[in-house]
Amino acid sequence: MKPRITVLTIGVDDLERSLVFYRDGLGFSTEGIIGKEFEHGAVAFFELEAGLRLAIFERKNLALDANISQSHPNPAEFTLGHNVSSKEEVDQVMEEAKKAGATITVPAQDTFWGGYSGYFQDPDGHLWEVVWNPQWEI
């Protein structure tokens, strides 16, 4: 697995309030909330340096997407997103993580938004998503 982080997703209680804070309060560039057409898909992305993105996603939807229970403390407070250039590379990285001792919470699979991803937790429970997004060039 190449050591590159491309998306930092944080779980929030109120998506609109957090959008206002990051966009208006801190001046982060964003297209606003997208994915509202999906039952659990509303999210906002902010462009950071060197292609890094910060995402805000409701805590309950983050837990649902990763197929884990929401509790306190909760691994769904954030995910570390590792974007790759193909579905095959998602499978490859997921296998590497499993061999390294990660717990697979969602095997690599097609997503509702047209990508391909899987989730794993490191030995300390931190949640990673390995993802191929056909709209992002890696």
Protein backbone atom coordinates (compact mmCIF):
# COMPACT_ATOMS: atom_id res chain seq x y z
CA MET A 1 0.00 0.00 0.00
CA LYS A 2 1.42 3.36 -0.99
CA PRO A 3 1.39 5.89 1.89
CA ARG A 4 -1.02 8.47 0.47
CA ILE A 5 -4.02 10.02 2.19
CA THR A 6 -6.54 11.72 -0.11
CA VAL A 7 -9.73 12.22 1.94
CA LEU A 8 -10.24 12.90 5.64
CA THR A 9 -13.89 12.28 6.55
CA ILE A 10 -15.23 13.43 9.87
CA GLY A 11 -18.56 12.46 11.36
CA VAL A 12 -20.81 15.37 12.32
CA ASP A 13 -24.15 15.68 14.07
CA ASP A 14 -25.59 18.45 11.86
CA LEU A 15 -24.40 18.52 8.23
CA GLU A 16 -25.78 21.99 7.45
CA ARG A 17 -24.24 23.53 10.56
CA SER A 18 -20.87 21.98 9.79
CA LEU A 19 -21.07 23.13 6.16
CA VAL A 20 -21.59 26.70 7.32
CA PHE A 21 -18.69 26.41 9.77
CA TYR A 22 -16.15 25.08 7.26
CA ARG A 23 -17.34 26.99 4.19
CA ASP A 24 -18.36 30.31 5.69
CA GLY A 25 -16.42 30.30 8.95
CA LEU A 26 -13.10 28.92 7.72
CA GLY A 27 -13.41 29.73 4.03
CA PHE A 28 -12.91 26.19 2.72
CA SER A 29 -13.86 25.79 -0.94
CA THR A 30 -16.80 23.44 -1.59
CA GLU A 31 -19.65 22.74 -3.98
CA GLY A 32 -21.86 22.35 -0.91
CA ILE A 33 -23.83 19.31 0.09
CA ILE A 34 -24.13 16.68 -2.61
CA GLY A 35 -25.75 13.25 -2.67
CA LYS A 36 -29.06 14.37 -1.15
CA GLU A 37 -30.85 12.19 -3.71
CA PHE A 38 -29.56 9.12 -1.85
CA GLU A 39 -31.19 8.11 1.42
CA HIS A 40 -27.91 8.06 3.35
CA GLY A 41 -25.59 9.83 0.88
CA ALA A 42 -25.56 13.55 1.74
CA VAL A 43 -21.99 14.77 2.12
CA ALA A 44 -19.90 17.89 1.57
CA PHE A 45 -16.31 17.88 0.31
CA PHE A 46 -13.74 20.62 0.82
CA GLU A 47 -10.64 20.99 -1.33
CA LEU A 48 -7.44 21.02 0.71
CA GLU A 49 -3.82 21.17 -0.46
CA ALA A 50 -2.25 18.84 -2.99
CA GLY A 51 -5.50 17.09 -3.84
CA LEU A 52 -6.38 16.31 -0.22
CA ARG A 53 -10.09 16.63 0.59
CA LEU A 54 -11.94 16.98 3.86
CA ALA A 55 -15.40 15.44 3.90
CA ILE A 56 -18.18 15.98 6.41
CA PHE A 57 -20.75 13.21 6.68
CA GLU A 58 -23.43 12.63 9.29
CA ARG A 59 -22.21 10.27 12.02
CA LYS A 60 -25.18 7.92 11.65
CA ASN A 61 -24.66 7.65 7.87
CA LEU A 62 -20.94 7.07 8.29
CA ALA A 63 -21.64 4.18 10.66
CA LEU A 64 -24.24 2.76 8.25
CA ASP A 65 -21.91 3.00 5.22
CA ALA A 66 -19.13 1.21 7.10
CA ASN A 67 -21.50 -1.42 8.53
CA ILE A 68 -20.59 -0.76 12.18
CA SER A 69 -22.65 0.16 15.23
CA GLN A 70 -22.50 3.76 16.43
CA SER A 71 -21.33 4.00 20.03
CA HIS A 72 -19.06 6.16 22.19
CA PRO A 73 -16.18 6.21 21.48
CA ASN A 74 -16.94 5.34 17.90
CA PRO A 75 -14.58 4.38 15.06
CA ALA A 76 -17.06 6.11 12.74
CA GLU A 77 -15.96 9.52 14.03
CA PHE A 78 -13.74 9.66 10.95
CA THR A 79 -12.28 7.53 8.19
CA LEU A 80 -8.98 7.74 6.42
CA GLY A 81 -9.62 7.51 2.69
CA HIS A 82 -7.09 5.83 0.45
CA ASN A 83 -8.01 6.42 -3.19
CA VAL A 84 -6.60 4.20 -5.90
CA SER A 85 -6.74 4.10 -9.68
CA SER A 86 -8.81 0.95 -10.29
CA LYS A 87 -11.16 -1.63 -8.82
CA GLU A 88 -8.34 -4.15 -9.00
CA GLU A 89 -6.13 -1.94 -6.87
CA VAL A 90 -8.91 -1.68 -4.26
CA ASP A 91 -8.96 -5.48 -4.08
CA GLN A 92 -5.17 -5.60 -3.89
CA VAL A 93 -4.91 -3.07 -1.06
CA MET A 94 -7.76 -4.69 0.88
CA GLU A 95 -5.94 -8.02 0.67
CA GLU A 96 -2.70 -6.39 1.84
CA ALA A 97 -4.53 -4.84 4.79
CA LYS A 98 -6.13 -8.16 5.71
CA LYS A 99 -2.76 -9.89 5.59
CA ALA A 100 -1.32 -7.17 7.82
CA GLY A 101 -3.96 -7.92 10.48
CA ALA A 102 -6.72 -5.46 9.61
CA THR A 103 -10.35 -6.33 10.29
CA ILE A 104 -12.43 -6.09 7.12
CA THR A 105 -15.77 -4.41 7.94
CA VAL A 106 -17.05 -4.12 4.34
CA PRO A 107 -15.41 -6.22 1.61
CA ALA A 108 -14.58 -4.37 -1.60
CA GLN A 109 -17.77 -3.86 -3.60
CA ASP A 110 -19.55 -1.58 -6.04
CA THR A 111 -21.03 1.48 -4.33
CA PHE A 112 -24.41 3.16 -4.77
CA TRP A 113 -22.70 6.26 -6.24
CA GLY A 114 -20.82 4.43 -9.00
CA GLY A 115 -17.47 3.74 -7.39
CA TYR A 116 -15.93 0.70 -5.75
CA SER A 117 -14.72 0.47 -2.17
CA GLY A 118 -14.18 -1.54 0.97
CA TYR A 119 -13.60 -0.69 4.63
CA PHE A 120 -11.10 -2.03 7.13
CA GLN A 121 -10.08 -1.23 10.69
CA ASP A 122 -6.45 -1.15 11.79
CA PRO A 123 -5.47 -2.98 14.99
CA ASP A 124 -6.52 0.05 17.05
CA GLY A 125 -9.94 0.26 15.41
CA HIS A 126 -9.24 3.26 13.14
CA LEU A 127 -11.41 3.03 10.06
CA TRP A 128 -9.97 3.16 6.53
CA GLU A 129 -11.86 3.17 3.25
CA VAL A 130 -10.01 1.95 0.17
CA VAL A 131 -11.84 3.41 -2.79
CA TRP A 132 -11.84 3.78 -6.55
CA ASN A 133 -13.85 6.80 -7.64
CA PRO A 134 -14.31 6.96 -11.42
CA GLN A 135 -14.66 10.76 -11.22
CA TRP A 136 -11.32 11.39 -9.49
CA GLU A 137 -8.04 10.98 -11.34
CA ILE A 138 -5.27 9.44 -9.25
